[in-house]
Amino acid sequence: MSKKFRAFIAIELPSAVQKRCLQIQSELANDFPGVKWNKPESLHITMLFLGQIDDKDLWKTCDLAKKACNEIKPFQFKLQGMGCFPNPRRARVVWLGVDPESVSNFQKLYDVLADKMEEQGLYRKEQRDFQPHLSLGRLNQQDLDFSVVCSHWKIHPWISDELDVKQVLVLSSEDMHDGPEYTKLAKIKL
């Protein structure tokens, strides 16, 4: 019987950035108790969420990701700006974005990965543009208004140092009682 993995491809962040994100979460936690803040190991930029895949497809996924990454050069970016999905007035996910200058690099990486996976039936490309972001937390209560916080962050933004994207990770996640547990399945260099 084949084993199933809940798999995705992501960009790992340095521990210093994860620590700063934890500080940001802490600053917001008192005013927004209805947010379930992500743990440090959950702080990454997801490129593709593949869903449940068989172990036989895991190796195909890694091989396709390797081929895709051979087409992309390493690049740099900065974390910048805060936002919410679907929007700040009805927030469900709170996130940090990336600087506008590097969005096209993320889009290229997403497109190449998504195209390779879609060709093999492992992924269905989304109709909307890829929006690179780091999820800080998810809201437990309905329709929390985060618009004031997002406006504050536009006036007083935090911008990270330049961060390097030299590789992607293929990860699996398993839901546990205290949140998802991640396992690194492969590191693939750009």
N, C-alpha and C. Protein backbone atom coordinates (compact mmCIF):
# COMPACT_ATOMS: atom_id res chain seq x y z
N MET A 1 0.85 -1.19 0.00
CA MET A 1 0.00 0.00 0.00
C MET A 1 0.89 1.24 0.00
N SER A 2 0.60 2.18 -0.88
CA SER A 2 1.44 3.37 -0.95
C SER A 2 1.06 4.36 0.14
N LYS A 3 2.07 5.09 0.57
CA LYS A 3 1.88 6.09 1.61
C LYS A 3 1.50 7.41 0.93
N LYS A 4 0.65 8.19 1.59
CA LYS A 4 0.23 9.50 1.08
C LYS A 4 0.98 10.59 1.85
N PHE A 5 1.35 11.63 1.13
CA PHE A 5 1.99 12.80 1.71
C PHE A 5 1.17 14.03 1.36
N ARG A 6 1.02 14.94 2.32
CA ARG A 6 0.44 16.25 2.03
C ARG A 6 1.64 17.13 1.71
N ALA A 7 1.87 17.37 0.44
CA ALA A 7 3.14 17.96 0.00
C ALA A 7 2.99 19.37 -0.55
N PHE A 8 4.08 20.11 -0.42
CA PHE A 8 4.15 21.43 -1.02
C PHE A 8 5.60 21.81 -1.25
N ILE A 9 5.80 22.83 -2.06
CA ILE A 9 7.13 23.35 -2.37
C ILE A 9 7.20 24.75 -1.79
N ALA A 10 8.29 25.03 -1.07
CA ALA A 10 8.38 26.30 -0.35
C ALA A 10 9.81 26.84 -0.33
N ILE A 11 9.90 28.10 0.05
CA ILE A 11 11.19 28.75 0.27
C ILE A 11 11.35 28.93 1.77
N GLU A 12 12.46 28.42 2.27
CA GLU A 12 12.77 28.50 3.70
C GLU A 12 13.36 29.88 4.01
N LEU A 13 13.07 30.36 5.19
CA LEU A 13 13.59 31.66 5.62
C LEU A 13 14.64 31.48 6.71
N PRO A 14 15.63 32.38 6.76
CA PRO A 14 16.66 32.27 7.80
C PRO A 14 16.05 32.43 9.20
N SER A 15 16.72 31.86 10.19
CA SER A 15 16.19 31.91 11.56
C SER A 15 16.07 33.34 12.08
N ALA A 16 16.95 34.25 11.65
CA ALA A 16 16.86 35.65 12.10
C ALA A 16 15.55 36.28 11.62
N VAL A 17 15.12 35.94 10.43
CA VAL A 17 13.85 36.46 9.89
C VAL A 17 12.69 35.82 10.64
N GLN A 18 12.79 34.54 10.92
CA GLN A 18 11.74 33.87 11.70
C GLN A 18 11.60 34.52 13.07
N LYS A 19 12.73 34.86 13.70
CA LYS A 19 12.68 35.53 15.01
C LYS A 19 11.99 36.88 14.91
N ARG A 20 12.31 37.65 13.87
CA ARG A 20 11.67 38.95 13.70
C ARG A 20 10.16 38.79 13.47
N CYS A 21 9.79 37.76 12.72
CA CYS A 21 8.37 37.49 12.49
C CYS A 21 7.67 37.16 13.81
N LEU A 22 8.35 36.42 14.67
CA LEU A 22 7.77 36.11 15.99
C LEU A 22 7.57 37.38 16.80
N GLN A 23 8.50 38.34 16.68
CA GLN A 23 8.34 39.62 17.37
C GLN A 23 7.11 40.37 16.83
N ILE A 24 6.95 40.35 15.53
CA ILE A 24 5.80 41.01 14.92
C ILE A 24 4.50 40.35 15.40
N GLN A 25 4.49 39.03 15.43
CA GLN A 25 3.31 38.31 15.93
C GLN A 25 3.02 38.71 17.37
N SER A 26 4.07 38.79 18.17
CA SER A 26 3.91 39.15 19.59
C SER A 26 3.35 40.57 19.73
N GLU A 27 3.82 41.49 18.89
CA GLU A 27 3.33 42.87 18.92
C GLU A 27 1.83 42.93 18.59
N LEU A 28 1.39 42.06 17.72
CA LEU A 28 -0.01 42.08 17.28
C LEU A 28 -0.93 41.23 18.16
N ALA A 29 -0.35 40.28 18.88
CA ALA A 29 -1.15 39.27 19.60
C ALA A 29 -2.10 39.88 20.63
N ASN A 30 -1.67 40.90 21.36
CA ASN A 30 -2.53 41.49 22.39
C ASN A 30 -3.78 42.13 21.81
N ASP A 31 -3.61 42.78 20.66
CA ASP A 31 -4.75 43.46 20.03
C ASP A 31 -5.64 42.52 19.23
N PHE A 32 -5.09 41.36 18.87
CA PHE A 32 -5.83 40.42 18.02
C PHE A 32 -5.76 39.01 18.58
N PRO A 33 -6.48 38.78 19.70
CA PRO A 33 -6.42 37.45 20.33
C PRO A 33 -7.09 36.35 19.49
N GLY A 34 -7.84 36.73 18.47
CA GLY A 34 -8.53 35.74 17.64
C GLY A 34 -7.66 35.16 16.53
N VAL A 35 -6.36 35.47 16.54
CA VAL A 35 -5.47 34.97 15.50
C VAL A 35 -4.67 33.79 16.04
N LYS A 36 -4.61 32.72 15.28
CA LYS A 36 -3.74 31.59 15.62
C LYS A 36 -2.43 31.82 14.86
N TRP A 37 -1.42 32.26 15.60
CA TRP A 37 -0.15 32.64 14.99
C TRP A 37 0.66 31.40 14.63
N ASN A 38 1.29 31.43 13.46
CA ASN A 38 2.10 30.31 13.01
C ASN A 38 3.37 30.17 13.84
N LYS A 39 3.77 28.93 14.05
CA LYS A 39 5.01 28.63 14.77
C LYS A 39 6.20 28.91 13.84
N PRO A 40 7.40 29.09 14.42
CA PRO A 40 8.57 29.41 13.59
C PRO A 40 8.79 28.45 12.43
N GLU A 41 8.59 27.16 12.66
CA GLU A 41 8.81 26.19 11.58
C GLU A 41 7.76 26.29 10.47
N SER A 42 6.70 27.04 10.71
CA SER A 42 5.66 27.25 9.70
C SER A 42 5.88 28.53 8.90
N LEU A 43 6.93 29.26 9.23
CA LEU A 43 7.18 30.54 8.58
C LEU A 43 8.05 30.33 7.35
N HIS A 44 7.41 30.24 6.20
CA HIS A 44 8.08 30.01 4.92
C HIS A 44 7.20 30.63 3.84
N ILE A 45 7.72 30.67 2.64
CA ILE A 45 6.92 31.15 1.51
C ILE A 45 6.54 29.94 0.67
N THR A 46 5.27 29.62 0.66
CA THR A 46 4.80 28.48 -0.12
C THR A 46 4.74 28.87 -1.60
N MET A 47 5.39 28.06 -2.42
CA MET A 47 5.36 28.27 -3.87
C MET A 47 4.21 27.49 -4.51
N LEU A 48 4.07 26.22 -4.15
CA LEU A 48 2.98 25.38 -4.67
C LEU A 48 2.49 24.47 -3.56
N PHE A 49 1.19 24.41 -3.38
CA PHE A 49 0.60 23.41 -2.49
C PHE A 49 0.08 22.29 -3.38
N LEU A 50 0.65 21.11 -3.23
CA LEU A 50 0.31 19.99 -4.12
C LEU A 50 -0.80 19.12 -3.58
N GLY A 51 -1.09 19.23 -2.28
CA GLY A 51 -2.12 18.39 -1.68
C GLY A 51 -1.60 16.99 -1.41
N GLN A 52 -2.50 16.03 -1.36
CA GLN A 52 -2.14 14.63 -1.07
C GLN A 52 -1.51 13.99 -2.31
N ILE A 53 -0.28 13.48 -2.15
CA ILE A 53 0.35 12.76 -3.25
C ILE A 53 0.86 11.41 -2.74
N ASP A 54 0.91 10.43 -3.64
CA ASP A 54 1.44 9.10 -3.31
C ASP A 54 2.95 9.16 -3.21
N ASP A 55 3.53 8.19 -2.48
CA ASP A 55 4.98 8.16 -2.37
C ASP A 55 5.65 7.99 -3.74
N LYS A 56 5.01 7.27 -4.65
CA LYS A 56 5.58 7.13 -6.01
C LYS A 56 5.61 8.48 -6.73
N ASP A 57 4.63 9.34 -6.46
CA ASP A 57 4.61 10.67 -7.07
C ASP A 57 5.56 11.63 -6.37
N LEU A 58 5.96 11.31 -5.16
CA LEU A 58 6.89 12.17 -4.44
C LEU A 58 8.20 12.29 -5.20
N TRP A 59 8.73 11.18 -5.68
CA TRP A 59 10.01 11.20 -6.38
C TRP A 59 9.86 11.90 -7.73
N LYS A 60 8.72 11.72 -8.37
CA LYS A 60 8.45 12.43 -9.62
C LYS A 60 8.39 13.93 -9.35
N THR A 61 7.75 14.30 -8.24
CA THR A 61 7.66 15.71 -7.85
C THR A 61 9.04 16.31 -7.66
N CYS A 62 9.90 15.60 -6.94
CA CYS A 62 11.26 16.09 -6.70
C CYS A 62 12.03 16.23 -8.01
N ASP A 63 11.88 15.26 -8.90
CA ASP A 63 12.56 15.29 -10.20
C ASP A 63 12.07 16.47 -11.04
N LEU A 64 10.76 16.68 -11.06
CA LEU A 64 10.20 17.80 -11.83
C LEU A 64 10.62 19.14 -11.23
N ALA A 65 10.65 19.22 -9.90
CA ALA A 65 11.09 20.46 -9.24
C ALA A 65 12.55 20.75 -9.58
N LYS A 66 13.36 19.70 -9.63
CA LYS A 66 14.78 19.86 -9.98
C LYS A 66 14.90 20.41 -11.41
N LYS A 67 14.13 19.86 -12.34
CA LYS A 67 14.16 20.34 -13.73
C LYS A 67 13.70 21.80 -13.80
N ALA A 68 12.67 22.14 -13.05
CA ALA A 68 12.17 23.52 -13.03
C ALA A 68 13.22 24.47 -12.46
N CYS A 69 13.84 24.07 -11.37
CA CYS A 69 14.82 24.94 -10.70
C CYS A 69 16.07 25.14 -11.55
N ASN A 70 16.37 24.20 -12.45
CA ASN A 70 17.50 24.37 -13.37
C ASN A 70 17.26 25.53 -14.34
N GLU A 71 16.01 25.92 -14.50
CA GLU A 71 15.66 27.01 -15.42
C GLU A 71 15.65 28.38 -14.75
N ILE A 72 15.83 28.42 -13.44
CA ILE A 72 15.73 29.67 -12.68
C ILE A 72 17.06 29.98 -12.01
N LYS A 73 17.47 31.24 -12.10
CA LYS A 73 18.69 31.67 -11.42
C LYS A 73 18.34 32.08 -9.99
N PRO A 74 19.29 31.93 -9.04
CA PRO A 74 19.05 32.44 -7.69
C PRO A 74 18.70 33.93 -7.75
N PHE A 75 17.92 34.38 -6.79
CA PHE A 75 17.54 35.79 -6.74
C PHE A 75 17.42 36.24 -5.29
N GLN A 76 17.24 37.54 -5.12
CA GLN A 76 17.10 38.12 -3.79
C GLN A 76 15.75 38.82 -3.68
N PHE A 77 15.32 38.98 -2.44
CA PHE A 77 14.08 39.70 -2.17
C PHE A 77 14.12 40.25 -0.76
N LYS A 78 13.15 41.10 -0.48
CA LYS A 78 12.96 41.62 0.88
C LYS A 78 11.52 41.35 1.27
N LEU A 79 11.31 41.02 2.54
CA LEU A 79 9.94 40.99 3.07
C LEU A 79 9.53 42.42 3.32
N GLN A 80 8.33 42.76 2.92
CA GLN A 80 7.89 44.15 3.01
C GLN A 80 6.38 44.22 2.96
N GLY A 81 5.80 44.95 3.88
CA GLY A 81 4.36 45.18 3.86
C GLY A 81 3.56 44.06 4.49
N MET A 82 2.41 44.43 5.00
CA MET A 82 1.50 43.46 5.62
C MET A 82 0.18 43.51 4.87
N GLY A 83 -0.44 42.36 4.79
CA GLY A 83 -1.74 42.28 4.14
C GLY A 83 -2.56 41.15 4.72
N CYS A 84 -3.74 40.99 4.18
CA CYS A 84 -4.66 39.94 4.65
C CYS A 84 -5.41 39.36 3.47
N PHE A 85 -5.70 38.09 3.56
CA PHE A 85 -6.59 37.43 2.60
C PHE A 85 -7.92 37.20 3.28
N PRO A 86 -9.07 37.39 2.68
CA PRO A 86 -9.22 37.91 1.34
C PRO A 86 -8.98 39.42 1.25
N ASN A 87 -9.20 40.15 2.36
CA ASN A 87 -8.91 41.58 2.40
C ASN A 87 -8.84 42.01 3.86
N PRO A 88 -8.24 43.19 4.15
CA PRO A 88 -8.06 43.60 5.54
C PRO A 88 -9.36 43.75 6.35
N ARG A 89 -10.46 44.11 5.72
CA ARG A 89 -11.72 44.28 6.46
C ARG A 89 -12.36 42.96 6.85
N ARG A 90 -12.03 41.90 6.13
CA ARG A 90 -12.58 40.56 6.42
C ARG A 90 -11.43 39.56 6.43
N ALA A 91 -10.49 39.81 7.30
CA ALA A 91 -9.25 39.03 7.30
C ALA A 91 -9.47 37.59 7.74
N ARG A 92 -8.84 36.68 7.01
CA ARG A 92 -8.80 35.26 7.38
C ARG A 92 -7.35 34.81 7.57
N VAL A 93 -6.43 35.38 6.78
CA VAL A 93 -5.00 35.09 6.88
C VAL A 93 -4.26 36.42 6.92
N VAL A 94 -3.33 36.54 7.87
CA VAL A 94 -2.49 37.73 7.99
C VAL A 94 -1.12 37.36 7.43
N TRP A 95 -0.56 38.22 6.57
CA TRP A 95 0.70 37.86 5.92
C TRP A 95 1.64 39.05 5.76
N LEU A 96 2.92 38.73 5.54
CA LEU A 96 3.92 39.70 5.12
C LEU A 96 4.18 39.45 3.64
N GLY A 97 4.31 40.53 2.88
CA GLY A 97 4.54 40.40 1.45
C GLY A 97 6.02 40.51 1.09
N VAL A 98 6.28 40.55 -0.19
CA VAL A 98 7.65 40.73 -0.68
C VAL A 98 7.70 42.05 -1.44
N ASP A 99 8.92 42.59 -1.56
CA ASP A 99 9.08 43.87 -2.24
C ASP A 99 8.63 43.76 -3.70
N PRO A 100 8.03 44.83 -4.22
CA PRO A 100 7.47 44.78 -5.58
C PRO A 100 8.49 44.42 -6.66
N GLU A 101 9.75 44.79 -6.45
CA GLU A 101 10.78 44.53 -7.45
C GLU A 101 11.05 43.04 -7.64
N SER A 102 10.79 42.23 -6.63
CA SER A 102 11.12 40.80 -6.73
C SER A 102 9.91 39.91 -7.04
N VAL A 103 8.72 40.49 -7.11
CA VAL A 103 7.52 39.69 -7.37
C VAL A 103 7.65 38.93 -8.69
N SER A 104 8.25 39.56 -9.70
CA SER A 104 8.38 38.88 -11.00
C SER A 104 9.27 37.65 -10.91
N ASN A 105 10.30 37.67 -10.05
CA ASN A 105 11.15 36.49 -9.87
C ASN A 105 10.35 35.34 -9.23
N PHE A 106 9.53 35.68 -8.26
CA PHE A 106 8.67 34.66 -7.64
C PHE A 106 7.66 34.12 -8.65
N GLN A 107 7.11 35.02 -9.47
CA GLN A 107 6.13 34.59 -10.48
C GLN A 107 6.78 33.63 -11.48
N LYS A 108 8.01 33.94 -11.91
CA LYS A 108 8.72 33.04 -12.85
C LYS A 108 8.94 31.68 -12.22
N LEU A 109 9.39 31.66 -10.97
CA LEU A 109 9.63 30.39 -10.28
C LEU A 109 8.32 29.61 -10.15
N TYR A 110 7.27 30.30 -9.74
CA TYR A 110 5.96 29.65 -9.63
C TYR A 110 5.52 29.08 -10.98
N ASP A 111 5.62 29.89 -12.04
CA ASP A 111 5.16 29.45 -13.36
C ASP A 111 5.90 28.20 -13.83
N VAL A 112 7.22 28.18 -13.68
CA VAL A 112 8.00 27.03 -14.14
C VAL A 112 7.66 25.80 -13.31
N LEU A 113 7.59 25.95 -11.99
CA LEU A 113 7.22 24.81 -11.13
C LEU A 113 5.81 24.31 -11.46
N ALA A 114 4.87 25.24 -11.55
CA ALA A 114 3.47 24.87 -11.80
C ALA A 114 3.31 24.20 -13.16
N ASP A 115 3.98 24.73 -14.17
CA ASP A 115 3.88 24.14 -15.51
C ASP A 115 4.40 22.71 -15.53
N LYS A 116 5.55 22.49 -14.90
CA LYS A 116 6.14 21.13 -14.87
C LYS A 116 5.21 20.16 -14.13
N MET A 117 4.67 20.60 -13.00
CA MET A 117 3.79 19.72 -12.21
C MET A 117 2.46 19.48 -12.94
N GLU A 118 1.95 20.53 -13.59
CA GLU A 118 0.67 20.41 -14.29
C GLU A 118 0.79 19.44 -15.48
N GLU A 119 1.92 19.49 -16.18
CA GLU A 119 2.14 18.58 -17.32
C GLU A 119 2.01 17.11 -16.91
N GLN A 120 2.37 16.82 -15.66
CA GLN A 120 2.34 15.44 -15.17
C GLN A 120 1.10 15.14 -14.32
N GLY A 121 0.16 16.09 -14.27
CA GLY A 121 -1.07 15.87 -13.53
C GLY A 121 -0.92 15.95 -12.02
N LEU A 122 0.14 16.60 -11.55
CA LEU A 122 0.38 16.71 -10.11
C LEU A 122 -0.11 18.03 -9.52
N TYR A 123 -0.52 18.96 -10.37
CA TYR A 123 -0.93 20.28 -9.90
C TYR A 123 -1.84 20.90 -10.95
N ARG A 124 -2.76 21.71 -10.48
CA ARG A 124 -3.61 22.48 -11.39
C ARG A 124 -3.34 23.95 -11.14
N LYS A 125 -2.82 24.62 -12.14
CA LYS A 125 -2.43 26.02 -12.01
C LYS A 125 -3.63 26.89 -11.69
N GLU A 126 -3.42 27.83 -10.77
CA GLU A 126 -4.50 28.74 -10.38
C GLU A 126 -4.73 29.78 -11.47
N GLN A 127 -5.94 30.29 -11.54
CA GLN A 127 -6.30 31.28 -12.55
C GLN A 127 -5.77 32.67 -12.21
N ARG A 128 -5.56 32.92 -10.94
CA ARG A 128 -5.08 34.25 -10.54
C ARG A 128 -3.55 34.24 -10.46
N ASP A 129 -2.96 35.43 -10.48
CA ASP A 129 -1.52 35.56 -10.35
C ASP A 129 -1.06 35.06 -8.99
N PHE A 130 0.12 34.50 -8.97
CA PHE A 130 0.72 34.06 -7.73
C PHE A 130 1.06 35.29 -6.89
N GLN A 131 0.73 35.27 -5.61
CA GLN A 131 1.04 36.38 -4.72
C GLN A 131 1.97 35.87 -3.62
N PRO A 132 3.29 36.09 -3.79
CA PRO A 132 4.23 35.58 -2.79
C PRO A 132 4.01 36.26 -1.44
N HIS A 133 3.97 35.45 -0.40
CA HIS A 133 3.73 35.98 0.94
C HIS A 133 4.18 34.96 1.99
N LEU A 134 4.36 35.46 3.18
CA LEU A 134 4.67 34.64 4.34
C LEU A 134 3.47 34.74 5.28
N SER A 135 2.79 33.65 5.51
CA SER A 135 1.61 33.67 6.40
C SER A 135 2.06 33.76 7.85
N LEU A 136 1.60 34.81 8.53
CA LEU A 136 1.90 34.97 9.95
C LEU A 136 0.90 34.23 10.82
N GLY A 137 -0.35 34.19 10.39
CA GLY A 137 -1.37 33.53 11.20
C GLY A 137 -2.71 33.46 10.50
N ARG A 138 -3.58 32.67 11.08
CA ARG A 138 -4.94 32.48 10.57
C ARG A 138 -5.92 32.90 11.65
N LEU A 139 -7.03 33.46 11.21
CA LEU A 139 -8.00 33.97 12.16
C LEU A 139 -9.00 32.91 12.54
N ASN A 140 -9.24 32.81 13.84
CA ASN A 140 -10.20 31.85 14.38
C ASN A 140 -11.61 32.40 14.36
N GLN A 141 -11.73 33.72 14.43
CA GLN A 141 -13.07 34.31 14.45
C GLN A 141 -13.37 34.93 13.10
N GLN A 142 -14.63 35.09 12.83
CA GLN A 142 -15.07 35.58 11.53
C GLN A 142 -14.86 37.08 11.39
N ASP A 143 -14.45 37.47 10.22
CA ASP A 143 -14.46 38.87 9.80
C ASP A 143 -13.76 39.83 10.75
N LEU A 144 -12.57 39.51 11.18
CA LEU A 144 -11.79 40.43 12.01
C LEU A 144 -11.25 41.54 11.10
N ASP A 145 -11.42 42.80 11.52
CA ASP A 145 -10.99 43.94 10.71
C ASP A 145 -9.53 44.26 11.02
N PHE A 146 -8.67 44.01 10.06
CA PHE A 146 -7.24 44.25 10.19
C PHE A 146 -6.81 45.50 9.43
N SER A 147 -7.76 46.28 8.92
CA SER A 147 -7.43 47.40 8.04
C SER A 147 -6.58 48.46 8.74
N VAL A 148 -6.80 48.70 10.03
CA VAL A 148 -6.01 49.69 10.76
C VAL A 148 -4.55 49.24 10.84
N VAL A 149 -4.34 47.96 11.12
CA VAL A 149 -2.98 47.42 11.21
C VAL A 149 -2.29 47.52 9.85
N CYS A 150 -2.98 47.13 8.80
CA CYS A 150 -2.38 47.19 7.46
C CYS A 150 -2.05 48.63 7.08
N SER A 151 -2.91 49.58 7.43
CA SER A 151 -2.65 51.00 7.16
C SER A 151 -1.43 51.47 7.94
N HIS A 152 -1.34 51.07 9.21
CA HIS A 152 -0.19 51.43 10.03
C HIS A 152 1.10 50.92 9.39
N TRP A 153 1.05 49.71 8.87
CA TRP A 153 2.25 49.11 8.27
C TRP A 153 2.63 49.79 6.96
N LYS A 154 1.68 50.42 6.29
CA LYS A 154 2.02 51.18 5.08
C LYS A 154 2.75 52.47 5.46
N ILE A 155 2.36 53.06 6.59
CA ILE A 155 2.98 54.30 7.05
C ILE A 155 4.32 54.02 7.72
N HIS A 156 4.40 52.96 8.53
CA HIS A 156 5.61 52.59 9.28
C HIS A 156 6.02 51.16 8.90
N PRO A 157 6.51 50.98 7.68
CA PRO A 157 6.79 49.61 7.24
C PRO A 157 8.05 49.02 7.86
N TRP A 158 8.02 47.72 8.05
CA TRP A 158 9.24 46.98 8.34
C TRP A 158 9.67 46.33 7.04
N ILE A 159 10.93 46.52 6.71
CA ILE A 159 11.48 45.91 5.50
C ILE A 159 12.69 45.10 5.93
N SER A 160 12.70 43.84 5.56
CA SER A 160 13.81 42.97 5.94
C SER A 160 15.06 43.32 5.14
N ASP A 161 16.19 42.78 5.57
CA ASP A 161 17.40 42.83 4.76
C ASP A 161 17.16 42.00 3.50
N GLU A 162 18.07 42.11 2.55
CA GLU A 162 17.99 41.27 1.34
C GLU A 162 18.10 39.81 1.75
N LEU A 163 17.23 38.99 1.22
CA LEU A 163 17.24 37.56 1.49
C LEU A 163 17.50 36.82 0.18
N ASP A 164 18.30 35.77 0.27
CA ASP A 164 18.65 34.99 -0.92
C ASP A 164 17.70 33.83 -1.13
N VAL A 165 17.32 33.62 -2.36
CA VAL A 165 16.59 32.41 -2.75
C VAL A 165 17.56 31.62 -3.63
N LYS A 166 18.12 30.58 -3.03
CA LYS A 166 19.09 29.73 -3.74
C LYS A 166 18.58 28.31 -3.90
N GLN A 167 17.47 28.02 -3.20
CA GLN A 167 16.92 26.66 -3.25
C GLN A 167 15.45 26.69 -2.86
N VAL A 168 14.77 25.61 -3.19
CA VAL A 168 13.41 25.38 -2.70
C VAL A 168 13.41 24.08 -1.93
N LEU A 169 12.43 23.93 -1.08
CA LEU A 169 12.25 22.70 -0.32
C LEU A 169 10.98 22.01 -0.78
N VAL A 170 11.03 20.70 -0.84
CA VAL A 170 9.82 19.90 -0.97
C VAL A 170 9.52 19.43 0.44
N LEU A 171 8.35 19.79 0.94
CA LEU A 171 7.97 19.50 2.32
C LEU A 171 6.69 18.68 2.37
N SER A 172 6.55 17.96 3.46
CA SER A 172 5.25 17.35 3.75
C SER A 172 4.79 17.91 5.08
N SER A 173 3.49 17.95 5.26
CA SER A 173 2.95 18.42 6.53
C SER A 173 1.92 17.43 7.03
N GLU A 174 1.88 17.33 8.34
CA GLU A 174 0.90 16.46 8.98
C GLU A 174 0.24 17.26 10.09
N ASP A 175 -1.08 17.28 10.10
CA ASP A 175 -1.80 18.02 11.13
C ASP A 175 -1.67 17.32 12.47
N MET A 176 -1.24 18.09 13.47
CA MET A 176 -1.12 17.60 14.83
C MET A 176 -2.03 18.47 15.71
N HIS A 177 -2.21 18.09 16.96
CA HIS A 177 -3.13 18.84 17.82
C HIS A 177 -2.66 20.27 18.06
N ASP A 178 -1.35 20.53 18.00
CA ASP A 178 -0.84 21.89 18.23
C ASP A 178 -0.39 22.58 16.94
N GLY A 179 -0.89 22.10 15.81
CA GLY A 179 -0.56 22.71 14.53
C GLY A 179 0.19 21.74 13.63
N PRO A 180 0.46 22.15 12.40
CA PRO A 180 1.11 21.25 11.45
C PRO A 180 2.55 20.94 11.83
N GLU A 181 2.97 19.72 11.52
CA GLU A 181 4.36 19.31 11.70
C GLU A 181 4.93 19.09 10.31
N TYR A 182 6.10 19.70 10.05
CA TYR A 182 6.69 19.68 8.72
C TYR A 182 7.88 18.73 8.66
N THR A 183 8.02 18.07 7.53
CA THR A 183 9.17 17.21 7.26
C THR A 183 9.78 17.64 5.94
N LYS A 184 11.09 17.91 5.96
CA LYS A 184 11.79 18.26 4.72
C LYS A 184 12.05 16.97 3.95
N LEU A 185 11.54 16.90 2.75
CA LEU A 185 11.70 15.71 1.91
C LEU A 185 12.84 15.88 0.91
N ALA A 186 13.08 17.11 0.46
CA ALA A 186 14.17 17.36 -0.49
C ALA A 186 14.52 18.84 -0.49
N LYS A 187 15.82 19.13 -0.72
CA LYS A 187 16.30 20.49 -0.97
C LYS A 187 16.77 20.51 -2.41
N ILE A 188 16.29 21.50 -3.16
CA ILE A 188 16.61 21.57 -4.58
C ILE A 188 17.17 22.95 -4.90
N LYS A 189 18.40 22.99 -5.40
CA LYS A 189 19.07 24.25 -5.69
C LYS A 189 18.58 24.86 -7.00
N LEU A 190 18.55 26.20 -7.00
CA LEU A 190 18.24 26.93 -8.23
C LEU A 190 19.51 27.00 -9.07
